[in-house]
Amino acid sequence: MQMKRRVVAVGAVVALVICIGVAVALWLNPGADGPADQYVFPIRWTPALDPESTISPDSEIALLENGAATLKDVAIAVTETNDDGRPCLSTTDVLFSGRGQWTATIDGTLRIETSDGTIVLLAEPARFGGVDWQSLYQEVCGTDARVYGVRTAMRP
């Protein structure tokens, strides 16, 4: 009888630890479909603090709740596909400033349609699955990426 109680107690402790682990994983994992699930509007990204960044320091991406986007000095170019099938910029010489319409996918792709073409930005995978919209990047074909960091408050 004593052994049976001990086994039940150990089982209860293991179940509790598993429940706490799942709760922590869900708390740490944004698991969001789009940036609006993680941040309040307007959602803004500016160049990440990288001393070797080739992004204009005045560059900014802002998403509005109505699906509009405002852009300042964001690279727009013919988008190609790199070796792993992800979109990349063939050139970064053309900068766009103006308005567009944005859409986000659950795989972490942010597309902004502008009068000059489409801007494609990619979000990072989250720690425990899903997408983390804290950083966006534009992959440049054959070189490094241009990285933007969010400058907006998280949703409560």
N, C-alpha and C. Protein backbone atom coordinates (compact mmCIF):
# COMPACT_ATOMS: atom_id res chain seq x y z
N MET A 1 0.82 -1.19 0.00
CA MET A 1 0.00 0.00 0.00
C MET A 1 0.87 1.26 0.00
N GLN A 2 1.94 1.21 0.81
CA GLN A 2 2.86 2.34 0.90
C GLN A 2 3.50 2.62 -0.47
N MET A 3 3.91 1.54 -1.17
CA MET A 3 4.55 1.67 -2.48
C MET A 3 3.58 2.27 -3.50
N LYS A 4 2.34 1.86 -3.42
CA LYS A 4 1.32 2.35 -4.35
C LYS A 4 1.13 3.86 -4.17
N ARG A 5 1.10 4.34 -2.95
CA ARG A 5 0.97 5.78 -2.68
C ARG A 5 2.17 6.55 -3.21
N ARG A 6 3.34 5.97 -3.05
CA ARG A 6 4.56 6.61 -3.53
C ARG A 6 4.53 6.74 -5.06
N VAL A 7 4.09 5.68 -5.74
CA VAL A 7 4.00 5.70 -7.20
C VAL A 7 2.98 6.74 -7.65
N VAL A 8 1.86 6.82 -6.98
CA VAL A 8 0.83 7.81 -7.31
C VAL A 8 1.38 9.23 -7.08
N ALA A 9 2.10 9.44 -5.99
CA ALA A 9 2.67 10.76 -5.69
C ALA A 9 3.69 11.15 -6.75
N VAL A 10 4.56 10.21 -7.12
CA VAL A 10 5.56 10.50 -8.16
C VAL A 10 4.86 10.80 -9.49
N GLY A 11 3.83 10.05 -9.80
CA GLY A 11 3.07 10.29 -11.03
C GLY A 11 2.43 11.67 -11.04
N ALA A 12 1.90 12.09 -9.89
CA ALA A 12 1.28 13.41 -9.79
C ALA A 12 2.32 14.51 -9.97
N VAL A 13 3.50 14.33 -9.38
CA VAL A 13 4.58 15.31 -9.53
C VAL A 13 5.02 15.40 -11.00
N VAL A 14 5.17 14.25 -11.65
CA VAL A 14 5.57 14.24 -13.07
C VAL A 14 4.51 14.95 -13.92
N ALA A 15 3.24 14.67 -13.65
CA ALA A 15 2.16 15.31 -14.40
C ALA A 15 2.18 16.82 -14.19
N LEU A 16 2.43 17.26 -12.97
CA LEU A 16 2.50 18.68 -12.66
C LEU A 16 3.67 19.34 -13.40
N VAL A 17 4.82 18.70 -13.40
CA VAL A 17 5.99 19.23 -14.10
C VAL A 17 5.71 19.34 -15.60
N ILE A 18 5.06 18.34 -16.17
CA ILE A 18 4.73 18.38 -17.60
C ILE A 18 3.76 19.53 -17.88
N CYS A 19 2.75 19.70 -17.05
CA CYS A 19 1.79 20.80 -17.23
C CYS A 19 2.48 22.16 -17.15
N ILE A 20 3.36 22.33 -16.18
CA ILE A 20 4.09 23.58 -16.05
C ILE A 20 4.98 23.80 -17.28
N GLY A 21 5.64 22.75 -17.75
CA GLY A 21 6.48 22.86 -18.94
C GLY A 21 5.69 23.28 -20.16
N VAL A 22 4.53 22.69 -20.37
CA VAL A 22 3.68 23.07 -21.51
C VAL A 22 3.22 24.51 -21.37
N ALA A 23 2.82 24.93 -20.17
CA ALA A 23 2.39 26.31 -19.95
C ALA A 23 3.52 27.30 -20.25
N VAL A 24 4.72 26.99 -19.79
CA VAL A 24 5.87 27.87 -20.05
C VAL A 24 6.17 27.91 -21.55
N ALA A 25 6.13 26.77 -22.22
CA ALA A 25 6.39 26.73 -23.67
C ALA A 25 5.36 27.56 -24.42
N LEU A 26 4.10 27.47 -24.04
CA LEU A 26 3.06 28.26 -24.70
C LEU A 26 3.23 29.75 -24.40
N TRP A 27 3.67 30.08 -23.20
CA TRP A 27 3.89 31.47 -22.85
C TRP A 27 5.07 32.06 -23.63
N LEU A 28 6.14 31.28 -23.77
CA LEU A 28 7.31 31.75 -24.50
C LEU A 28 7.11 31.74 -26.01
N ASN A 29 6.24 30.90 -26.50
CA ASN A 29 6.01 30.79 -27.93
C ASN A 29 4.87 31.70 -28.34
N PRO A 30 5.17 32.73 -29.12
CA PRO A 30 4.10 33.59 -29.59
C PRO A 30 3.08 32.80 -30.40
N GLY A 31 3.54 31.79 -31.18
CA GLY A 31 2.63 30.96 -31.95
C GLY A 31 1.65 31.75 -32.78
N ALA A 32 2.04 32.91 -33.25
CA ALA A 32 1.12 33.82 -33.89
C ALA A 32 1.07 33.63 -35.40
N ASP A 33 -0.09 33.92 -35.93
CA ASP A 33 -0.24 33.87 -37.38
C ASP A 33 0.36 35.09 -38.05
N GLY A 34 0.27 36.23 -37.43
CA GLY A 34 0.78 37.45 -38.03
C GLY A 34 1.29 38.40 -36.97
N PRO A 35 1.92 39.49 -37.41
CA PRO A 35 2.50 40.43 -36.44
C PRO A 35 1.46 41.06 -35.52
N ALA A 36 0.22 41.21 -35.98
CA ALA A 36 -0.82 41.82 -35.15
C ALA A 36 -1.20 40.94 -33.96
N ASP A 37 -0.86 39.66 -34.02
CA ASP A 37 -1.13 38.77 -32.89
C ASP A 37 -0.12 38.99 -31.77
N GLN A 38 1.00 39.64 -32.07
CA GLN A 38 2.05 39.85 -31.07
C GLN A 38 2.21 41.31 -30.66
N TYR A 39 1.90 42.24 -31.57
CA TYR A 39 2.19 43.67 -31.32
C TYR A 39 0.96 44.53 -31.57
N VAL A 40 0.96 45.72 -30.94
CA VAL A 40 -0.14 46.67 -31.12
C VAL A 40 0.16 47.56 -32.32
N PHE A 41 -0.89 48.00 -32.99
CA PHE A 41 -0.74 48.89 -34.15
C PHE A 41 -0.49 50.31 -33.71
N PRO A 42 0.20 51.11 -34.51
CA PRO A 42 0.97 50.72 -35.69
C PRO A 42 2.22 49.96 -35.28
N ILE A 43 2.54 48.94 -36.07
CA ILE A 43 3.72 48.11 -35.80
C ILE A 43 4.87 48.65 -36.64
N ARG A 44 5.99 48.98 -35.99
CA ARG A 44 7.13 49.60 -36.68
C ARG A 44 8.39 48.78 -36.51
N TRP A 45 9.16 48.68 -37.60
CA TRP A 45 10.49 48.08 -37.57
C TRP A 45 11.46 49.09 -38.15
N THR A 46 12.63 49.17 -37.54
CA THR A 46 13.72 50.01 -38.04
C THR A 46 14.97 49.13 -38.12
N PRO A 47 16.04 49.62 -38.75
CA PRO A 47 17.24 48.77 -38.87
C PRO A 47 17.73 48.27 -37.52
N ALA A 48 18.09 46.99 -37.49
CA ALA A 48 18.66 46.40 -36.28
C ALA A 48 20.02 47.04 -36.04
N LEU A 49 20.45 47.01 -34.81
CA LEU A 49 21.72 47.62 -34.45
C LEU A 49 22.88 46.75 -34.93
N ASP A 50 23.26 46.95 -36.16
CA ASP A 50 24.36 46.19 -36.76
C ASP A 50 25.33 47.20 -37.37
N PRO A 51 26.54 47.32 -36.82
CA PRO A 51 27.47 48.33 -37.31
C PRO A 51 27.85 48.15 -38.79
N GLU A 52 27.69 46.94 -39.31
CA GLU A 52 28.04 46.71 -40.71
C GLU A 52 26.81 46.67 -41.61
N SER A 53 25.68 47.09 -41.10
CA SER A 53 24.44 47.05 -41.87
C SER A 53 24.52 47.96 -43.09
N THR A 54 23.94 47.49 -44.18
CA THR A 54 23.89 48.30 -45.39
C THR A 54 22.53 48.97 -45.54
N ILE A 55 21.69 48.85 -44.53
CA ILE A 55 20.38 49.49 -44.57
C ILE A 55 20.54 50.97 -44.26
N SER A 56 19.77 51.79 -44.95
CA SER A 56 19.75 53.22 -44.64
C SER A 56 19.33 53.39 -43.18
N PRO A 57 20.04 54.20 -42.40
CA PRO A 57 19.68 54.37 -40.99
C PRO A 57 18.29 54.99 -40.81
N ASP A 58 17.77 55.65 -41.85
CA ASP A 58 16.44 56.26 -41.78
C ASP A 58 15.34 55.30 -42.22
N SER A 59 15.70 54.09 -42.58
CA SER A 59 14.75 53.11 -43.08
C SER A 59 13.70 52.77 -42.01
N GLU A 60 12.46 52.59 -42.45
CA GLU A 60 11.39 52.23 -41.53
C GLU A 60 10.28 51.50 -42.26
N ILE A 61 9.71 50.52 -41.59
CA ILE A 61 8.56 49.77 -42.08
C ILE A 61 7.48 49.92 -41.02
N ALA A 62 6.29 50.36 -41.41
CA ALA A 62 5.19 50.51 -40.46
C ALA A 62 3.93 49.86 -41.04
N LEU A 63 3.29 49.02 -40.23
CA LEU A 63 2.05 48.37 -40.64
C LEU A 63 0.90 49.00 -39.87
N LEU A 64 -0.16 49.31 -40.59
CA LEU A 64 -1.36 49.88 -39.98
C LEU A 64 -2.44 48.81 -39.91
N GLU A 65 -3.38 49.01 -39.00
CA GLU A 65 -4.42 48.03 -38.75
C GLU A 65 -5.32 47.79 -39.97
N ASN A 66 -5.48 48.80 -40.82
CA ASN A 66 -6.36 48.68 -41.98
C ASN A 66 -5.73 47.97 -43.17
N GLY A 67 -4.52 47.40 -42.98
CA GLY A 67 -3.85 46.69 -44.07
C GLY A 67 -2.89 47.55 -44.86
N ALA A 68 -2.83 48.84 -44.54
CA ALA A 68 -1.90 49.74 -45.23
C ALA A 68 -0.52 49.65 -44.58
N ALA A 69 0.49 49.98 -45.35
CA ALA A 69 1.87 50.03 -44.85
C ALA A 69 2.49 51.33 -45.30
N THR A 70 3.35 51.89 -44.47
CA THR A 70 4.15 53.03 -44.89
C THR A 70 5.61 52.61 -44.81
N LEU A 71 6.36 52.98 -45.83
CA LEU A 71 7.75 52.55 -45.96
C LEU A 71 8.64 53.76 -46.21
N LYS A 72 9.82 53.69 -45.63
CA LYS A 72 10.81 54.74 -45.88
C LYS A 72 12.15 54.06 -46.13
N ASP A 73 12.71 54.31 -47.30
CA ASP A 73 14.04 53.79 -47.67
C ASP A 73 14.16 52.27 -47.46
N VAL A 74 13.22 51.51 -47.99
CA VAL A 74 13.26 50.05 -47.91
C VAL A 74 13.62 49.52 -49.29
N ALA A 75 14.56 48.58 -49.34
CA ALA A 75 15.02 48.03 -50.62
C ALA A 75 13.88 47.33 -51.35
N ILE A 76 13.76 47.65 -52.62
CA ILE A 76 12.78 46.98 -53.47
C ILE A 76 13.53 46.59 -54.74
N ALA A 77 13.35 45.38 -55.16
CA ALA A 77 14.08 44.90 -56.33
C ALA A 77 13.40 43.66 -56.86
N VAL A 78 13.92 43.17 -57.95
CA VAL A 78 13.44 41.91 -58.47
C VAL A 78 13.77 40.84 -57.43
N THR A 79 12.76 40.10 -57.02
CA THR A 79 12.98 39.05 -56.03
C THR A 79 13.25 37.74 -56.74
N GLU A 80 14.33 37.11 -56.37
CA GLU A 80 14.69 35.81 -56.93
C GLU A 80 14.53 34.76 -55.83
N THR A 81 14.87 33.54 -56.14
CA THR A 81 14.82 32.47 -55.15
C THR A 81 16.23 31.95 -54.95
N ASN A 82 16.66 31.86 -53.69
CA ASN A 82 18.00 31.35 -53.42
C ASN A 82 18.00 29.83 -53.45
N ASP A 83 19.14 29.23 -53.14
CA ASP A 83 19.29 27.77 -53.23
C ASP A 83 18.33 26.97 -52.35
N ASP A 84 17.93 27.55 -51.21
CA ASP A 84 17.00 26.81 -50.34
C ASP A 84 15.54 27.15 -50.60
N GLY A 85 15.26 27.88 -51.68
CA GLY A 85 13.89 28.17 -52.08
C GLY A 85 13.27 29.39 -51.45
N ARG A 86 14.02 30.13 -50.64
CA ARG A 86 13.49 31.33 -49.99
C ARG A 86 13.73 32.53 -50.89
N PRO A 87 12.85 33.54 -50.82
CA PRO A 87 13.02 34.73 -51.66
C PRO A 87 14.24 35.54 -51.22
N CYS A 88 14.93 36.12 -52.20
CA CYS A 88 16.06 36.99 -51.89
C CYS A 88 16.08 38.16 -52.88
N LEU A 89 16.72 39.26 -52.47
CA LEU A 89 16.83 40.44 -53.32
C LEU A 89 18.01 40.29 -54.26
N SER A 90 17.78 40.56 -55.54
CA SER A 90 18.87 40.48 -56.50
C SER A 90 19.73 41.74 -56.46
N THR A 91 19.16 42.84 -56.01
CA THR A 91 19.90 44.09 -55.85
C THR A 91 19.28 44.87 -54.71
N THR A 92 20.05 45.71 -54.08
CA THR A 92 19.53 46.52 -52.98
C THR A 92 19.72 48.01 -53.26
N ASP A 93 20.00 48.34 -54.51
CA ASP A 93 20.28 49.73 -54.87
C ASP A 93 19.03 50.60 -54.95
N VAL A 94 17.87 50.00 -55.16
CA VAL A 94 16.64 50.77 -55.34
C VAL A 94 15.90 50.81 -54.01
N LEU A 95 15.74 52.01 -53.46
CA LEU A 95 15.02 52.18 -52.20
C LEU A 95 13.64 52.76 -52.48
N PHE A 96 12.66 52.28 -51.75
CA PHE A 96 11.28 52.74 -51.92
C PHE A 96 10.83 53.46 -50.68
N SER A 97 10.15 54.58 -50.88
CA SER A 97 9.47 55.30 -49.80
C SER A 97 8.06 55.57 -50.28
N GLY A 98 7.08 55.26 -49.47
CA GLY A 98 5.69 55.48 -49.86
C GLY A 98 4.77 54.52 -49.14
N ARG A 99 3.61 54.30 -49.75
CA ARG A 99 2.59 53.46 -49.13
C ARG A 99 2.43 52.15 -49.88
N GLY A 100 1.86 51.18 -49.20
CA GLY A 100 1.56 49.90 -49.81
C GLY A 100 0.49 49.19 -49.01
N GLN A 101 0.20 47.96 -49.39
CA GLN A 101 -0.75 47.10 -48.69
C GLN A 101 -0.01 45.85 -48.24
N TRP A 102 -0.19 45.46 -46.99
CA TRP A 102 0.55 44.33 -46.45
C TRP A 102 -0.34 43.12 -46.19
N THR A 103 0.30 41.95 -46.30
CA THR A 103 -0.30 40.68 -45.89
C THR A 103 0.80 39.86 -45.23
N ALA A 104 0.40 39.05 -44.26
CA ALA A 104 1.35 38.18 -43.57
C ALA A 104 0.83 36.76 -43.62
N THR A 105 1.75 35.80 -43.71
CA THR A 105 1.37 34.40 -43.74
C THR A 105 1.83 33.72 -42.45
N ILE A 106 1.23 32.57 -42.15
CA ILE A 106 1.58 31.87 -40.91
C ILE A 106 2.99 31.30 -40.94
N ASP A 107 3.61 31.24 -42.13
CA ASP A 107 4.98 30.75 -42.19
C ASP A 107 6.00 31.86 -41.97
N GLY A 108 5.53 33.09 -41.71
CA GLY A 108 6.44 34.18 -41.39
C GLY A 108 6.87 35.03 -42.56
N THR A 109 6.08 35.08 -43.62
CA THR A 109 6.40 35.92 -44.78
C THR A 109 5.50 37.15 -44.75
N LEU A 110 6.12 38.32 -44.78
CA LEU A 110 5.39 39.58 -44.85
C LEU A 110 5.58 40.13 -46.25
N ARG A 111 4.48 40.33 -46.97
CA ARG A 111 4.53 40.88 -48.33
C ARG A 111 3.88 42.24 -48.31
N ILE A 112 4.58 43.21 -48.90
CA ILE A 112 4.03 44.55 -49.00
C ILE A 112 3.99 44.91 -50.49
N GLU A 113 2.77 45.06 -51.00
CA GLU A 113 2.56 45.43 -52.40
C GLU A 113 2.61 46.94 -52.50
N THR A 114 3.50 47.45 -53.36
CA THR A 114 3.64 48.88 -53.56
C THR A 114 3.43 49.20 -55.04
N SER A 115 3.41 50.48 -55.37
CA SER A 115 3.27 50.90 -56.76
C SER A 115 4.50 50.51 -57.59
N ASP A 116 5.63 50.26 -56.94
CA ASP A 116 6.86 49.90 -57.64
C ASP A 116 7.16 48.40 -57.63
N GLY A 117 6.35 47.62 -56.94
CA GLY A 117 6.58 46.18 -56.86
C GLY A 117 6.32 45.65 -55.47
N THR A 118 6.72 44.42 -55.23
CA THR A 118 6.47 43.75 -53.95
C THR A 118 7.74 43.70 -53.11
N ILE A 119 7.59 44.02 -51.84
CA ILE A 119 8.69 43.88 -50.88
C ILE A 119 8.39 42.64 -50.05
N VAL A 120 9.35 41.74 -49.96
CA VAL A 120 9.19 40.51 -49.20
C VAL A 120 10.14 40.53 -48.01
N LEU A 121 9.58 40.38 -46.82
CA LEU A 121 10.37 40.31 -45.59
C LEU A 121 10.03 39.01 -44.88
N LEU A 122 11.00 38.45 -44.20
CA LEU A 122 10.83 37.16 -43.53
C LEU A 122 11.02 37.33 -42.03
N ALA A 123 10.18 36.66 -41.24
CA ALA A 123 10.29 36.66 -39.79
C ALA A 123 11.07 35.42 -39.36
N GLU A 124 11.56 35.46 -38.14
CA GLU A 124 12.32 34.34 -37.60
C GLU A 124 11.37 33.28 -37.03
N PRO A 125 11.76 32.02 -37.09
CA PRO A 125 10.96 30.99 -36.41
C PRO A 125 11.02 31.22 -34.90
N ALA A 126 9.91 30.98 -34.21
CA ALA A 126 9.88 31.12 -32.76
C ALA A 126 10.56 29.92 -32.11
N ARG A 127 10.91 30.06 -30.85
CA ARG A 127 11.65 29.04 -30.11
C ARG A 127 10.97 27.67 -30.09
N PHE A 128 9.67 27.65 -29.87
CA PHE A 128 8.96 26.38 -29.73
C PHE A 128 7.93 26.20 -30.83
N GLY A 129 8.22 26.70 -32.02
CA GLY A 129 7.29 26.61 -33.14
C GLY A 129 6.60 27.94 -33.37
N GLY A 130 5.97 28.08 -34.50
CA GLY A 130 5.32 29.34 -34.83
C GLY A 130 6.33 30.33 -35.38
N VAL A 131 5.96 31.60 -35.33
CA VAL A 131 6.77 32.67 -35.91
C VAL A 131 6.97 33.77 -34.89
N ASP A 132 8.17 34.34 -34.86
CA ASP A 132 8.48 35.47 -34.00
C ASP A 132 8.67 36.70 -34.88
N TRP A 133 7.76 37.64 -34.80
CA TRP A 133 7.76 38.83 -35.65
C TRP A 133 8.65 39.94 -35.09
N GLN A 134 9.46 39.67 -34.08
CA GLN A 134 10.32 40.69 -33.48
C GLN A 134 11.35 41.19 -34.48
N SER A 135 11.89 40.29 -35.29
CA SER A 135 12.87 40.67 -36.30
C SER A 135 12.36 40.28 -37.68
N LEU A 136 12.58 41.17 -38.63
CA LEU A 136 12.29 40.89 -40.03
C LEU A 136 13.59 41.00 -40.79
N TYR A 137 13.73 40.22 -41.83
CA TYR A 137 14.92 40.37 -42.65
C TYR A 137 14.59 40.23 -44.11
N GLN A 138 15.41 40.93 -44.91
CA GLN A 138 15.38 40.80 -46.36
C GLN A 138 16.67 40.10 -46.72
N GLU A 139 16.54 38.91 -47.23
CA GLU A 139 17.73 38.17 -47.63
C GLU A 139 18.22 38.73 -48.96
N VAL A 140 19.52 38.98 -49.05
CA VAL A 140 20.13 39.46 -50.28
C VAL A 140 20.82 38.27 -50.93
N CYS A 141 20.49 38.01 -52.20
CA CYS A 141 21.03 36.84 -52.90
C CYS A 141 22.56 36.83 -52.85
N GLY A 142 23.11 35.76 -52.33
CA GLY A 142 24.56 35.58 -52.31
C GLY A 142 25.30 36.29 -51.20
N THR A 143 24.60 37.07 -50.36
CA THR A 143 25.28 37.76 -49.25
C THR A 143 24.41 37.68 -48.00
N ASP A 144 24.69 38.55 -47.05
CA ASP A 144 23.94 38.58 -45.80
C ASP A 144 22.56 39.19 -45.98
N ALA A 145 21.81 39.17 -44.91
CA ALA A 145 20.46 39.73 -44.91
C ALA A 145 20.47 41.14 -44.32
N ARG A 146 19.45 41.89 -44.66
CA ARG A 146 19.18 43.19 -44.05
C ARG A 146 18.18 42.94 -42.94
N VAL A 147 18.54 43.26 -41.70
CA VAL A 147 17.71 42.90 -40.55
C VAL A 147 17.07 44.15 -39.94
N TYR A 148 15.76 44.02 -39.65
CA TYR A 148 14.99 45.08 -39.00
C TYR A 148 14.50 44.57 -37.66
N GLY A 149 14.51 45.44 -36.64
CA GLY A 149 14.00 45.09 -35.32
C GLY A 149 12.73 45.86 -35.01
N VAL A 150 11.79 45.21 -34.31
CA VAL A 150 10.52 45.83 -33.99
C VAL A 150 10.72 46.95 -32.97
N ARG A 151 9.93 48.00 -33.07
CA ARG A 151 10.00 49.14 -32.17
C ARG A 151 8.62 49.45 -31.58
N THR A 152 7.84 48.40 -31.37
CA THR A 152 6.45 48.54 -30.96
C THR A 152 6.20 47.69 -29.71
N ALA A 153 5.24 48.13 -28.92
CA ALA A 153 4.90 47.39 -27.70
C ALA A 153 4.20 46.07 -28.04
N MET A 154 4.49 45.06 -27.22
CA MET A 154 3.83 43.76 -27.38
C MET A 154 2.40 43.84 -26.88
N ARG A 155 1.58 42.96 -27.42
CA ARG A 155 0.21 42.84 -26.93
C ARG A 155 0.24 42.29 -25.51
N PRO A 156 -0.67 42.78 -24.66
CA PRO A 156 -0.71 42.26 -23.29
C PRO A 156 -1.18 40.82 -23.27
